[in-house]
PDBML (XML) file of the C-alpha atoms, coordinates in Angstrom:
<?xml version="1.0" encoding="UTF-8" ?>
<PDBx:datablock datablockName="MODEL"
   xmlns:PDBx="http://pdbml.pdb.org/schema/pdbx-v50.xsd"
   xmlns:xsi="http://www.w3.org/2001/XMLSchema-instance"
   xsi:schemaLocation="http://pdbml.pdb.org/schema/pdbx-v50.xsd pdbx-v50.xsd">
   <PDBx:atom_siteCategory>
      <PDBx:atom_site id="1">
         <PDBx:B_iso_or_equiv>0.00</PDBx:B_iso_or_equiv>
         <PDBx:Cartn_x>68.805</PDBx:Cartn_x>
         <PDBx:Cartn_y>61.090</PDBx:Cartn_y>
         <PDBx:Cartn_z>85.354</PDBx:Cartn_z>
         <PDBx:auth_asym_id>A</PDBx:auth_asym_id>
         <PDBx:auth_atom_id>CA</PDBx:auth_atom_id>
         <PDBx:auth_comp_id>LEU</PDBx:auth_comp_id>
         <PDBx:auth_seq_id>1</PDBx:auth_seq_id>
         <PDBx:group_PDB>ATOM</PDBx:group_PDB>
         <PDBx:label_alt_id xsi:nil="true" />
         <PDBx:label_asym_id>A</PDBx:label_asym_id>
         <PDBx:label_atom_id>CA</PDBx:label_atom_id>
         <PDBx:label_comp_id>LEU</PDBx:label_comp_id>
         <PDBx:label_entity_id>1</PDBx:label_entity_id>
         <PDBx:label_seq_id>1</PDBx:label_seq_id>
         <PDBx:occupancy>1.00</PDBx:occupancy>
         <PDBx:pdbx_PDB_model_num>1</PDBx:pdbx_PDB_model_num>
         <PDBx:type_symbol>C</PDBx:type_symbol>
      </PDBx:atom_site>
      <PDBx:atom_site id="2">
         <PDBx:B_iso_or_equiv>0.00</PDBx:B_iso_or_equiv>
         <PDBx:Cartn_x>65.460</PDBx:Cartn_x>
         <PDBx:Cartn_y>62.774</PDBx:Cartn_y>
         <PDBx:Cartn_z>84.733</PDBx:Cartn_z>
         <PDBx:auth_asym_id>A</PDBx:auth_asym_id>
         <PDBx:auth_atom_id>CA</PDBx:auth_atom_id>
         <PDBx:auth_comp_id>LYS</PDBx:auth_comp_id>
         <PDBx:auth_seq_id>2</PDBx:auth_seq_id>
         <PDBx:group_PDB>ATOM</PDBx:group_PDB>
         <PDBx:label_alt_id xsi:nil="true" />
         <PDBx:label_asym_id>A</PDBx:label_asym_id>
         <PDBx:label_atom_id>CA</PDBx:label_atom_id>
         <PDBx:label_comp_id>LYS</PDBx:label_comp_id>
         <PDBx:label_entity_id>1</PDBx:label_entity_id>
         <PDBx:label_seq_id>2</PDBx:label_seq_id>
         <PDBx:occupancy>1.00</PDBx:occupancy>
         <PDBx:pdbx_PDB_model_num>1</PDBx:pdbx_PDB_model_num>
         <PDBx:type_symbol>C</PDBx:type_symbol>
      </PDBx:atom_site>
      <PDBx:atom_site id="3">
         <PDBx:B_iso_or_equiv>0.00</PDBx:B_iso_or_equiv>
         <PDBx:Cartn_x>64.069</PDBx:Cartn_x>
         <PDBx:Cartn_y>59.858</PDBx:Cartn_y>
         <PDBx:Cartn_z>82.756</PDBx:Cartn_z>
         <PDBx:auth_asym_id>A</PDBx:auth_asym_id>
         <PDBx:auth_atom_id>CA</PDBx:auth_atom_id>
         <PDBx:auth_comp_id>SER</PDBx:auth_comp_id>
         <PDBx:auth_seq_id>3</PDBx:auth_seq_id>
         <PDBx:group_PDB>ATOM</PDBx:group_PDB>
         <PDBx:label_alt_id xsi:nil="true" />
         <PDBx:label_asym_id>A</PDBx:label_asym_id>
         <PDBx:label_atom_id>CA</PDBx:label_atom_id>
         <PDBx:label_comp_id>SER</PDBx:label_comp_id>
         <PDBx:label_entity_id>1</PDBx:label_entity_id>
         <PDBx:label_seq_id>3</PDBx:label_seq_id>
         <PDBx:occupancy>1.00</PDBx:occupancy>
         <PDBx:pdbx_PDB_model_num>1</PDBx:pdbx_PDB_model_num>
         <PDBx:type_symbol>C</PDBx:type_symbol>
      </PDBx:atom_site>
      <PDBx:atom_site id="4">
         <PDBx:B_iso_or_equiv>0.00</PDBx:B_iso_or_equiv>
         <PDBx:Cartn_x>65.470</PDBx:Cartn_x>
         <PDBx:Cartn_y>57.361</PDBx:Cartn_y>
         <PDBx:Cartn_z>85.256</PDBx:Cartn_z>
         <PDBx:auth_asym_id>A</PDBx:auth_asym_id>
         <PDBx:auth_atom_id>CA</PDBx:auth_atom_id>
         <PDBx:auth_comp_id>GLY</PDBx:auth_comp_id>
         <PDBx:auth_seq_id>4</PDBx:auth_seq_id>
         <PDBx:group_PDB>ATOM</PDBx:group_PDB>
         <PDBx:label_alt_id xsi:nil="true" />
         <PDBx:label_asym_id>A</PDBx:label_asym_id>
         <PDBx:label_atom_id>CA</PDBx:label_atom_id>
         <PDBx:label_comp_id>GLY</PDBx:label_comp_id>
         <PDBx:label_entity_id>1</PDBx:label_entity_id>
         <PDBx:label_seq_id>4</PDBx:label_seq_id>
         <PDBx:occupancy>1.00</PDBx:occupancy>
         <PDBx:pdbx_PDB_model_num>1</PDBx:pdbx_PDB_model_num>
         <PDBx:type_symbol>C</PDBx:type_symbol>
      </PDBx:atom_site>
      <PDBx:atom_site id="5">
         <PDBx:B_iso_or_equiv>0.00</PDBx:B_iso_or_equiv>
         <PDBx:Cartn_x>63.508</PDBx:Cartn_x>
         <PDBx:Cartn_y>58.848</PDBx:Cartn_y>
         <PDBx:Cartn_z>88.123</PDBx:Cartn_z>
         <PDBx:auth_asym_id>A</PDBx:auth_asym_id>
         <PDBx:auth_atom_id>CA</PDBx:auth_atom_id>
         <PDBx:auth_comp_id>GLY</PDBx:auth_comp_id>
         <PDBx:auth_seq_id>5</PDBx:auth_seq_id>
         <PDBx:group_PDB>ATOM</PDBx:group_PDB>
         <PDBx:label_alt_id xsi:nil="true" />
         <PDBx:label_asym_id>A</PDBx:label_asym_id>
         <PDBx:label_atom_id>CA</PDBx:label_atom_id>
         <PDBx:label_comp_id>GLY</PDBx:label_comp_id>
         <PDBx:label_entity_id>1</PDBx:label_entity_id>
         <PDBx:label_seq_id>5</PDBx:label_seq_id>
         <PDBx:occupancy>1.00</PDBx:occupancy>
         <PDBx:pdbx_PDB_model_num>1</PDBx:pdbx_PDB_model_num>
         <PDBx:type_symbol>C</PDBx:type_symbol>
      </PDBx:atom_site>
      <PDBx:atom_site id="6">
         <PDBx:B_iso_or_equiv>0.00</PDBx:B_iso_or_equiv>
         <PDBx:Cartn_x>66.425</PDBx:Cartn_x>
         <PDBx:Cartn_y>59.838</PDBx:Cartn_y>
         <PDBx:Cartn_z>90.364</PDBx:Cartn_z>
         <PDBx:auth_asym_id>A</PDBx:auth_asym_id>
         <PDBx:auth_atom_id>CA</PDBx:auth_atom_id>
         <PDBx:auth_comp_id>GLU</PDBx:auth_comp_id>
         <PDBx:auth_seq_id>6</PDBx:auth_seq_id>
         <PDBx:group_PDB>ATOM</PDBx:group_PDB>
         <PDBx:label_alt_id xsi:nil="true" />
         <PDBx:label_asym_id>A</PDBx:label_asym_id>
         <PDBx:label_atom_id>CA</PDBx:label_atom_id>
         <PDBx:label_comp_id>GLU</PDBx:label_comp_id>
         <PDBx:label_entity_id>1</PDBx:label_entity_id>
         <PDBx:label_seq_id>6</PDBx:label_seq_id>
         <PDBx:occupancy>1.00</PDBx:occupancy>
         <PDBx:pdbx_PDB_model_num>1</PDBx:pdbx_PDB_model_num>
         <PDBx:type_symbol>C</PDBx:type_symbol>
      </PDBx:atom_site>
      <PDBx:atom_site id="7">
         <PDBx:B_iso_or_equiv>0.00</PDBx:B_iso_or_equiv>
         <PDBx:Cartn_x>64.871</PDBx:Cartn_x>
         <PDBx:Cartn_y>63.220</PDBx:Cartn_y>
         <PDBx:Cartn_z>91.177</PDBx:Cartn_z>
         <PDBx:auth_asym_id>A</PDBx:auth_asym_id>
         <PDBx:auth_atom_id>CA</PDBx:auth_atom_id>
         <PDBx:auth_comp_id>SER</PDBx:auth_comp_id>
         <PDBx:auth_seq_id>7</PDBx:auth_seq_id>
         <PDBx:group_PDB>ATOM</PDBx:group_PDB>
         <PDBx:label_alt_id xsi:nil="true" />
         <PDBx:label_asym_id>A</PDBx:label_asym_id>
         <PDBx:label_atom_id>CA</PDBx:label_atom_id>
         <PDBx:label_comp_id>SER</PDBx:label_comp_id>
         <PDBx:label_entity_id>1</PDBx:label_entity_id>
         <PDBx:label_seq_id>7</PDBx:label_seq_id>
         <PDBx:occupancy>1.00</PDBx:occupancy>
         <PDBx:pdbx_PDB_model_num>1</PDBx:pdbx_PDB_model_num>
         <PDBx:type_symbol>C</PDBx:type_symbol>
      </PDBx:atom_site>
      <PDBx:atom_site id="8">
         <PDBx:B_iso_or_equiv>0.00</PDBx:B_iso_or_equiv>
         <PDBx:Cartn_x>61.542</PDBx:Cartn_x>
         <PDBx:Cartn_y>61.525</PDBx:Cartn_y>
         <PDBx:Cartn_z>91.897</PDBx:Cartn_z>
         <PDBx:auth_asym_id>A</PDBx:auth_asym_id>
         <PDBx:auth_atom_id>CA</PDBx:auth_atom_id>
         <PDBx:auth_comp_id>GLY</PDBx:auth_comp_id>
         <PDBx:auth_seq_id>8</PDBx:auth_seq_id>
         <PDBx:group_PDB>ATOM</PDBx:group_PDB>
         <PDBx:label_alt_id xsi:nil="true" />
         <PDBx:label_asym_id>A</PDBx:label_asym_id>
         <PDBx:label_atom_id>CA</PDBx:label_atom_id>
         <PDBx:label_comp_id>GLY</PDBx:label_comp_id>
         <PDBx:label_entity_id>1</PDBx:label_entity_id>
         <PDBx:label_seq_id>8</PDBx:label_seq_id>
         <PDBx:occupancy>1.00</PDBx:occupancy>
         <PDBx:pdbx_PDB_model_num>1</PDBx:pdbx_PDB_model_num>
         <PDBx:type_symbol>C</PDBx:type_symbol>
      </PDBx:atom_site>
      <PDBx:atom_site id="9">
         <PDBx:B_iso_or_equiv>0.00</PDBx:B_iso_or_equiv>
         <PDBx:Cartn_x>63.232</PDBx:Cartn_x>
         <PDBx:Cartn_y>59.096</PDBx:Cartn_y>
         <PDBx:Cartn_z>94.271</PDBx:Cartn_z>
         <PDBx:auth_asym_id>A</PDBx:auth_asym_id>
         <PDBx:auth_atom_id>CA</PDBx:auth_atom_id>
         <PDBx:auth_comp_id>ALA</PDBx:auth_comp_id>
         <PDBx:auth_seq_id>9</PDBx:auth_seq_id>
         <PDBx:group_PDB>ATOM</PDBx:group_PDB>
         <PDBx:label_alt_id xsi:nil="true" />
         <PDBx:label_asym_id>A</PDBx:label_asym_id>
         <PDBx:label_atom_id>CA</PDBx:label_atom_id>
         <PDBx:label_comp_id>ALA</PDBx:label_comp_id>
         <PDBx:label_entity_id>1</PDBx:label_entity_id>
         <PDBx:label_seq_id>9</PDBx:label_seq_id>
         <PDBx:occupancy>1.00</PDBx:occupancy>
         <PDBx:pdbx_PDB_model_num>1</PDBx:pdbx_PDB_model_num>
         <PDBx:type_symbol>C</PDBx:type_symbol>
      </PDBx:atom_site>
      <PDBx:atom_site id="10">
         <PDBx:B_iso_or_equiv>0.00</PDBx:B_iso_or_equiv>
         <PDBx:Cartn_x>64.408</PDBx:Cartn_x>
         <PDBx:Cartn_y>61.899</PDBx:Cartn_y>
         <PDBx:Cartn_z>96.518</PDBx:Cartn_z>
         <PDBx:auth_asym_id>A</PDBx:auth_asym_id>
         <PDBx:auth_atom_id>CA</PDBx:auth_atom_id>
         <PDBx:auth_comp_id>GLY</PDBx:auth_comp_id>
         <PDBx:auth_seq_id>10</PDBx:auth_seq_id>
         <PDBx:group_PDB>ATOM</PDBx:group_PDB>
         <PDBx:label_alt_id xsi:nil="true" />
         <PDBx:label_asym_id>A</PDBx:label_asym_id>
         <PDBx:label_atom_id>CA</PDBx:label_atom_id>
         <PDBx:label_comp_id>GLY</PDBx:label_comp_id>
         <PDBx:label_entity_id>1</PDBx:label_entity_id>
         <PDBx:label_seq_id>10</PDBx:label_seq_id>
         <PDBx:occupancy>1.00</PDBx:occupancy>
         <PDBx:pdbx_PDB_model_num>1</PDBx:pdbx_PDB_model_num>
         <PDBx:type_symbol>C</PDBx:type_symbol>
      </PDBx:atom_site>
      <PDBx:atom_site id="11">
         <PDBx:B_iso_or_equiv>0.00</PDBx:B_iso_or_equiv>
         <PDBx:Cartn_x>60.929</PDBx:Cartn_x>
         <PDBx:Cartn_y>63.389</PDBx:Cartn_y>
         <PDBx:Cartn_z>96.637</PDBx:Cartn_z>
         <PDBx:auth_asym_id>A</PDBx:auth_asym_id>
         <PDBx:auth_atom_id>CA</PDBx:auth_atom_id>
         <PDBx:auth_comp_id>GLN</PDBx:auth_comp_id>
         <PDBx:auth_seq_id>11</PDBx:auth_seq_id>
         <PDBx:group_PDB>ATOM</PDBx:group_PDB>
         <PDBx:label_alt_id xsi:nil="true" />
         <PDBx:label_asym_id>A</PDBx:label_asym_id>
         <PDBx:label_atom_id>CA</PDBx:label_atom_id>
         <PDBx:label_comp_id>GLN</PDBx:label_comp_id>
         <PDBx:label_entity_id>1</PDBx:label_entity_id>
         <PDBx:label_seq_id>11</PDBx:label_seq_id>
         <PDBx:occupancy>1.00</PDBx:occupancy>
         <PDBx:pdbx_PDB_model_num>1</PDBx:pdbx_PDB_model_num>
         <PDBx:type_symbol>C</PDBx:type_symbol>
      </PDBx:atom_site>
      <PDBx:atom_site id="12">
         <PDBx:B_iso_or_equiv>0.00</PDBx:B_iso_or_equiv>
         <PDBx:Cartn_x>59.434</PDBx:Cartn_x>
         <PDBx:Cartn_y>59.962</PDBx:Cartn_y>
         <PDBx:Cartn_z>97.340</PDBx:Cartn_z>
         <PDBx:auth_asym_id>A</PDBx:auth_asym_id>
         <PDBx:auth_atom_id>CA</PDBx:auth_atom_id>
         <PDBx:auth_comp_id>ALA</PDBx:auth_comp_id>
         <PDBx:auth_seq_id>12</PDBx:auth_seq_id>
         <PDBx:group_PDB>ATOM</PDBx:group_PDB>
         <PDBx:label_alt_id xsi:nil="true" />
         <PDBx:label_asym_id>A</PDBx:label_asym_id>
         <PDBx:label_atom_id>CA</PDBx:label_atom_id>
         <PDBx:label_comp_id>ALA</PDBx:label_comp_id>
         <PDBx:label_entity_id>1</PDBx:label_entity_id>
         <PDBx:label_seq_id>12</PDBx:label_seq_id>
         <PDBx:occupancy>1.00</PDBx:occupancy>
         <PDBx:pdbx_PDB_model_num>1</PDBx:pdbx_PDB_model_num>
         <PDBx:type_symbol>C</PDBx:type_symbol>
      </PDBx:atom_site>
      <PDBx:atom_site id="13">
         <PDBx:B_iso_or_equiv>0.00</PDBx:B_iso_or_equiv>
         <PDBx:Cartn_x>61.804</PDBx:Cartn_x>
         <PDBx:Cartn_y>59.539</PDBx:Cartn_y>
         <PDBx:Cartn_z>100.291</PDBx:Cartn_z>
         <PDBx:auth_asym_id>A</PDBx:auth_asym_id>
         <PDBx:auth_atom_id>CA</PDBx:auth_atom_id>
         <PDBx:auth_comp_id>LEU</PDBx:auth_comp_id>
         <PDBx:auth_seq_id>13</PDBx:auth_seq_id>
         <PDBx:group_PDB>ATOM</PDBx:group_PDB>
         <PDBx:label_alt_id xsi:nil="true" />
         <PDBx:label_asym_id>A</PDBx:label_asym_id>
         <PDBx:label_atom_id>CA</PDBx:label_atom_id>
         <PDBx:label_comp_id>LEU</PDBx:label_comp_id>
         <PDBx:label_entity_id>1</PDBx:label_entity_id>
         <PDBx:label_seq_id>13</PDBx:label_seq_id>
         <PDBx:occupancy>1.00</PDBx:occupancy>
         <PDBx:pdbx_PDB_model_num>1</PDBx:pdbx_PDB_model_num>
         <PDBx:type_symbol>C</PDBx:type_symbol>
      </PDBx:atom_site>
      <PDBx:atom_site id="14">
         <PDBx:B_iso_or_equiv>0.00</PDBx:B_iso_or_equiv>
         <PDBx:Cartn_x>60.713</PDBx:Cartn_x>
         <PDBx:Cartn_y>62.888</PDBx:Cartn_y>
         <PDBx:Cartn_z>101.734</PDBx:Cartn_z>
         <PDBx:auth_asym_id>A</PDBx:auth_asym_id>
         <PDBx:auth_atom_id>CA</PDBx:auth_atom_id>
         <PDBx:auth_comp_id>ILE</PDBx:auth_comp_id>
         <PDBx:auth_seq_id>14</PDBx:auth_seq_id>
         <PDBx:group_PDB>ATOM</PDBx:group_PDB>
         <PDBx:label_alt_id xsi:nil="true" />
         <PDBx:label_asym_id>A</PDBx:label_asym_id>
         <PDBx:label_atom_id>CA</PDBx:label_atom_id>
         <PDBx:label_comp_id>ILE</PDBx:label_comp_id>
         <PDBx:label_entity_id>1</PDBx:label_entity_id>
         <PDBx:label_seq_id>14</PDBx:label_seq_id>
         <PDBx:occupancy>1.00</PDBx:occupancy>
         <PDBx:pdbx_PDB_model_num>1</PDBx:pdbx_PDB_model_num>
         <PDBx:type_symbol>C</PDBx:type_symbol>
      </PDBx:atom_site>
      <PDBx:atom_site id="15">
         <PDBx:B_iso_or_equiv>0.00</PDBx:B_iso_or_equiv>
         <PDBx:Cartn_x>57.053</PDBx:Cartn_x>
         <PDBx:Cartn_y>61.956</PDBx:Cartn_y>
         <PDBx:Cartn_z>101.252</PDBx:Cartn_z>
         <PDBx:auth_asym_id>A</PDBx:auth_asym_id>
         <PDBx:auth_atom_id>CA</PDBx:auth_atom_id>
         <PDBx:auth_comp_id>SER</PDBx:auth_comp_id>
         <PDBx:auth_seq_id>15</PDBx:auth_seq_id>
         <PDBx:group_PDB>ATOM</PDBx:group_PDB>
         <PDBx:label_alt_id xsi:nil="true" />
         <PDBx:label_asym_id>A</PDBx:label_asym_id>
         <PDBx:label_atom_id>CA</PDBx:label_atom_id>
         <PDBx:label_comp_id>SER</PDBx:label_comp_id>
         <PDBx:label_entity_id>1</PDBx:label_entity_id>
         <PDBx:label_seq_id>15</PDBx:label_seq_id>
         <PDBx:occupancy>1.00</PDBx:occupancy>
         <PDBx:pdbx_PDB_model_num>1</PDBx:pdbx_PDB_model_num>
         <PDBx:type_symbol>C</PDBx:type_symbol>
      </PDBx:atom_site>
      <PDBx:atom_site id="16">
         <PDBx:B_iso_or_equiv>0.00</PDBx:B_iso_or_equiv>
         <PDBx:Cartn_x>57.661</PDBx:Cartn_x>
         <PDBx:Cartn_y>58.599</PDBx:Cartn_y>
         <PDBx:Cartn_z>102.929</PDBx:Cartn_z>
         <PDBx:auth_asym_id>A</PDBx:auth_asym_id>
         <PDBx:auth_atom_id>CA</PDBx:auth_atom_id>
         <PDBx:auth_comp_id>LEU</PDBx:auth_comp_id>
         <PDBx:auth_seq_id>16</PDBx:auth_seq_id>
         <PDBx:group_PDB>ATOM</PDBx:group_PDB>
         <PDBx:label_alt_id xsi:nil="true" />
         <PDBx:label_asym_id>A</PDBx:label_asym_id>
         <PDBx:label_atom_id>CA</PDBx:label_atom_id>
         <PDBx:label_comp_id>LEU</PDBx:label_comp_id>
         <PDBx:label_entity_id>1</PDBx:label_entity_id>
         <PDBx:label_seq_id>16</PDBx:label_seq_id>
         <PDBx:occupancy>1.00</PDBx:occupancy>
         <PDBx:pdbx_PDB_model_num>1</PDBx:pdbx_PDB_model_num>
         <PDBx:type_symbol>C</PDBx:type_symbol>
      </PDBx:atom_site>
      <PDBx:atom_site id="17">
         <PDBx:B_iso_or_equiv>0.00</PDBx:B_iso_or_equiv>
         <PDBx:Cartn_x>59.271</PDBx:Cartn_x>
         <PDBx:Cartn_y>60.366</PDBx:Cartn_y>
         <PDBx:Cartn_z>105.902</PDBx:Cartn_z>
         <PDBx:auth_asym_id>A</PDBx:auth_asym_id>
         <PDBx:auth_atom_id>CA</PDBx:auth_atom_id>
         <PDBx:auth_comp_id>ALA</PDBx:auth_comp_id>
         <PDBx:auth_seq_id>17</PDBx:auth_seq_id>
         <PDBx:group_PDB>ATOM</PDBx:group_PDB>
         <PDBx:label_alt_id xsi:nil="true" />
         <PDBx:label_asym_id>A</PDBx:label_asym_id>
         <PDBx:label_atom_id>CA</PDBx:label_atom_id>
         <PDBx:label_comp_id>ALA</PDBx:label_comp_id>
         <PDBx:label_entity_id>1</PDBx:label_entity_id>
         <PDBx:label_seq_id>17</PDBx:label_seq_id>
         <PDBx:occupancy>1.00</PDBx:occupancy>
         <PDBx:pdbx_PDB_model_num>1</PDBx:pdbx_PDB_model_num>
         <PDBx:type_symbol>C</PDBx:type_symbol>
      </PDBx:atom_site>
      <PDBx:atom_site id="18">
         <PDBx:B_iso_or_equiv>0.00</PDBx:B_iso_or_equiv>
         <PDBx:Cartn_x>56.062</PDBx:Cartn_x>
         <PDBx:Cartn_y>62.338</PDBx:Cartn_y>
         <PDBx:Cartn_z>106.319</PDBx:Cartn_z>
         <PDBx:auth_asym_id>A</PDBx:auth_asym_id>
         <PDBx:auth_atom_id>CA</PDBx:auth_atom_id>
         <PDBx:auth_comp_id>GLY</PDBx:auth_comp_id>
         <PDBx:auth_seq_id>18</PDBx:auth_seq_id>
         <PDBx:group_PDB>ATOM</PDBx:group_PDB>
         <PDBx:label_alt_id xsi:nil="true" />
         <PDBx:label_asym_id>A</PDBx:label_asym_id>
         <PDBx:label_atom_id>CA</PDBx:label_atom_id>
         <PDBx:label_comp_id>GLY</PDBx:label_comp_id>
         <PDBx:label_entity_id>1</PDBx:label_entity_id>
         <PDBx:label_seq_id>18</PDBx:label_seq_id>
         <PDBx:occupancy>1.00</PDBx:occupancy>
         <PDBx:pdbx_PDB_model_num>1</PDBx:pdbx_PDB_model_num>
         <PDBx:type_symbol>C</PDBx:type_symbol>
      </PDBx:atom_site>
      <PDBx:atom_site id="19">
         <PDBx:B_iso_or_equiv>0.00</PDBx:B_iso_or_equiv>
         <PDBx:Cartn_x>54.103</PDBx:Cartn_x>
         <PDBx:Cartn_y>59.110</PDBx:Cartn_y>
         <PDBx:Cartn_z>106.843</PDBx:Cartn_z>
         <PDBx:auth_asym_id>A</PDBx:auth_asym_id>
         <PDBx:auth_atom_id>CA</PDBx:auth_atom_id>
         <PDBx:auth_comp_id>LEU</PDBx:auth_comp_id>
         <PDBx:auth_seq_id>19</PDBx:auth_seq_id>
         <PDBx:group_PDB>ATOM</PDBx:group_PDB>
         <PDBx:label_alt_id xsi:nil="true" />
         <PDBx:label_asym_id>A</PDBx:label_asym_id>
         <PDBx:label_atom_id>CA</PDBx:label_atom_id>
         <PDBx:label_comp_id>LEU</PDBx:label_comp_id>
         <PDBx:label_entity_id>1</PDBx:label_entity_id>
         <PDBx:label_seq_id>19</PDBx:label_seq_id>
         <PDBx:occupancy>1.00</PDBx:occupancy>
         <PDBx:pdbx_PDB_model_num>1</PDBx:pdbx_PDB_model_num>
         <PDBx:type_symbol>C</PDBx:type_symbol>
      </PDBx:atom_site>
      <PDBx:atom_site id="20">
         <PDBx:B_iso_or_equiv>0.00</PDBx:B_iso_or_equiv>
         <PDBx:Cartn_x>55.985</PDBx:Cartn_x>
         <PDBx:Cartn_y>57.994</PDBx:Cartn_y>
         <PDBx:Cartn_z>109.953</PDBx:Cartn_z>
         <PDBx:auth_asym_id>A</PDBx:auth_asym_id>
         <PDBx:auth_atom_id>CA</PDBx:auth_atom_id>
         <PDBx:auth_comp_id>VAL</PDBx:auth_comp_id>
         <PDBx:auth_seq_id>20</PDBx:auth_seq_id>
         <PDBx:group_PDB>ATOM</PDBx:group_PDB>
         <PDBx:label_alt_id xsi:nil="true" />
         <PDBx:label_asym_id>A</PDBx:label_asym_id>
         <PDBx:label_atom_id>CA</PDBx:label_atom_id>
         <PDBx:label_comp_id>VAL</PDBx:label_comp_id>
         <PDBx:label_entity_id>1</PDBx:label_entity_id>
         <PDBx:label_seq_id>20</PDBx:label_seq_id>
         <PDBx:occupancy>1.00</PDBx:occupancy>
         <PDBx:pdbx_PDB_model_num>1</PDBx:pdbx_PDB_model_num>
         <PDBx:type_symbol>C</PDBx:type_symbol>
      </PDBx:atom_site>
      <PDBx:atom_site id="21">
         <PDBx:B_iso_or_equiv>0.00</PDBx:B_iso_or_equiv>
         <PDBx:Cartn_x>56.427</PDBx:Cartn_x>
         <PDBx:Cartn_y>59.594</PDBx:Cartn_y>
         <PDBx:Cartn_z>113.420</PDBx:Cartn_z>
         <PDBx:auth_asym_id>A</PDBx:auth_asym_id>
         <PDBx:auth_atom_id>CA</PDBx:auth_atom_id>
         <PDBx:auth_comp_id>PRO</PDBx:auth_comp_id>
         <PDBx:auth_seq_id>21</PDBx:auth_seq_id>
         <PDBx:group_PDB>ATOM</PDBx:group_PDB>
         <PDBx:label_alt_id xsi:nil="true" />
         <PDBx:label_asym_id>A</PDBx:label_asym_id>
         <PDBx:label_atom_id>CA</PDBx:label_atom_id>
         <PDBx:label_comp_id>PRO</PDBx:label_comp_id>
         <PDBx:label_entity_id>1</PDBx:label_entity_id>
         <PDBx:label_seq_id>21</PDBx:label_seq_id>
         <PDBx:occupancy>1.00</PDBx:occupancy>
         <PDBx:pdbx_PDB_model_num>1</PDBx:pdbx_PDB_model_num>
         <PDBx:type_symbol>C</PDBx:type_symbol>
      </PDBx:atom_site>
      <PDBx:atom_site id="22">
         <PDBx:B_iso_or_equiv>0.00</PDBx:B_iso_or_equiv>
         <PDBx:Cartn_x>59.032</PDBx:Cartn_x>
         <PDBx:Cartn_y>62.339</PDBx:Cartn_y>
         <PDBx:Cartn_z>113.668</PDBx:Cartn_z>
         <PDBx:auth_asym_id>A</PDBx:auth_asym_id>
         <PDBx:auth_atom_id>CA</PDBx:auth_atom_id>
         <PDBx:auth_comp_id>PHE</PDBx:auth_comp_id>
         <PDBx:auth_seq_id>22</PDBx:auth_seq_id>
         <PDBx:group_PDB>ATOM</PDBx:group_PDB>
         <PDBx:label_alt_id xsi:nil="true" />
         <PDBx:label_asym_id>A</PDBx:label_asym_id>
         <PDBx:label_atom_id>CA</PDBx:label_atom_id>
         <PDBx:label_comp_id>PHE</PDBx:label_comp_id>
         <PDBx:label_entity_id>1</PDBx:label_entity_id>
         <PDBx:label_seq_id>22</PDBx:label_seq_id>
         <PDBx:occupancy>1.00</PDBx:occupancy>
         <PDBx:pdbx_PDB_model_num>1</PDBx:pdbx_PDB_model_num>
         <PDBx:type_symbol>C</PDBx:type_symbol>
      </PDBx:atom_site>
      <PDBx:atom_site id="23">
         <PDBx:B_iso_or_equiv>0.00</PDBx:B_iso_or_equiv>
         <PDBx:Cartn_x>61.360</PDBx:Cartn_x>
         <PDBx:Cartn_y>60.712</PDBx:Cartn_y>
         <PDBx:Cartn_z>116.235</PDBx:Cartn_z>
         <PDBx:auth_asym_id>A</PDBx:auth_asym_id>
         <PDBx:auth_atom_id>CA</PDBx:auth_atom_id>
         <PDBx:auth_comp_id>ALA</PDBx:auth_comp_id>
         <PDBx:auth_seq_id>23</PDBx:auth_seq_id>
         <PDBx:group_PDB>ATOM</PDBx:group_PDB>
         <PDBx:label_alt_id xsi:nil="true" />
         <PDBx:label_asym_id>A</PDBx:label_asym_id>
         <PDBx:label_atom_id>CA</PDBx:label_atom_id>
         <PDBx:label_comp_id>ALA</PDBx:label_comp_id>
         <PDBx:label_entity_id>1</PDBx:label_entity_id>
         <PDBx:label_seq_id>23</PDBx:label_seq_id>
         <PDBx:occupancy>1.00</PDBx:occupancy>
         <PDBx:pdbx_PDB_model_num>1</PDBx:pdbx_PDB_model_num>
         <PDBx:type_symbol>C</PDBx:type_symbol>
      </PDBx:atom_site>
      <PDBx:atom_site id="24">
         <PDBx:B_iso_or_equiv>0.00</PDBx:B_iso_or_equiv>
         <PDBx:Cartn_x>62.706</PDBx:Cartn_x>
         <PDBx:Cartn_y>57.854</PDBx:Cartn_y>
         <PDBx:Cartn_z>114.034</PDBx:Cartn_z>
         <PDBx:auth_asym_id>A</PDBx:auth_asym_id>
         <PDBx:auth_atom_id>CA</PDBx:auth_atom_id>
         <PDBx:auth_comp_id>PRO</PDBx:auth_comp_id>
         <PDBx:auth_seq_id>24</PDBx:auth_seq_id>
         <PDBx:group_PDB>ATOM</PDBx:group_PDB>
         <PDBx:label_alt_id xsi:nil="true" />
         <PDBx:label_asym_id>A</PDBx:label_asym_id>
         <PDBx:label_atom_id>CA</PDBx:label_atom_id>
         <PDBx:label_comp_id>PRO</PDBx:label_comp_id>
         <PDBx:label_entity_id>1</PDBx:label_entity_id>
         <PDBx:label_seq_id>24</PDBx:label_seq_id>
         <PDBx:occupancy>1.00</PDBx:occupancy>
         <PDBx:pdbx_PDB_model_num>1</PDBx:pdbx_PDB_model_num>
         <PDBx:type_symbol>C</PDBx:type_symbol>
      </PDBx:atom_site>
      <PDBx:atom_site id="25">
         <PDBx:B_iso_or_equiv>0.00</PDBx:B_iso_or_equiv>
         <PDBx:Cartn_x>63.025</PDBx:Cartn_x>
         <PDBx:Cartn_y>60.250</PDBx:Cartn_y>
         <PDBx:Cartn_z>111.093</PDBx:Cartn_z>
         <PDBx:auth_asym_id>A</PDBx:auth_asym_id>
         <PDBx:auth_atom_id>CA</PDBx:auth_atom_id>
         <PDBx:auth_comp_id>VAL</PDBx:auth_comp_id>
         <PDBx:auth_seq_id>25</PDBx:auth_seq_id>
         <PDBx:group_PDB>ATOM</PDBx:group_PDB>
         <PDBx:label_alt_id xsi:nil="true" />
         <PDBx:label_asym_id>A</PDBx:label_asym_id>
         <PDBx:label_atom_id>CA</PDBx:label_atom_id>
         <PDBx:label_comp_id>VAL</PDBx:label_comp_id>
         <PDBx:label_entity_id>1</PDBx:label_entity_id>
         <PDBx:label_seq_id>25</PDBx:label_seq_id>
         <PDBx:occupancy>1.00</PDBx:occupancy>
         <PDBx:pdbx_PDB_model_num>1</PDBx:pdbx_PDB_model_num>
         <PDBx:type_symbol>C</PDBx:type_symbol>
      </PDBx:atom_site>
   </PDBx:atom_siteCategory>
</PDBx:datablock>
């Protein structure tokens, strides 16, 4: 799981949410 990037995917999703307005998130 660590080498496959699953933990990084969750963090990337959170970072992506920070790029868009709050209401749709």
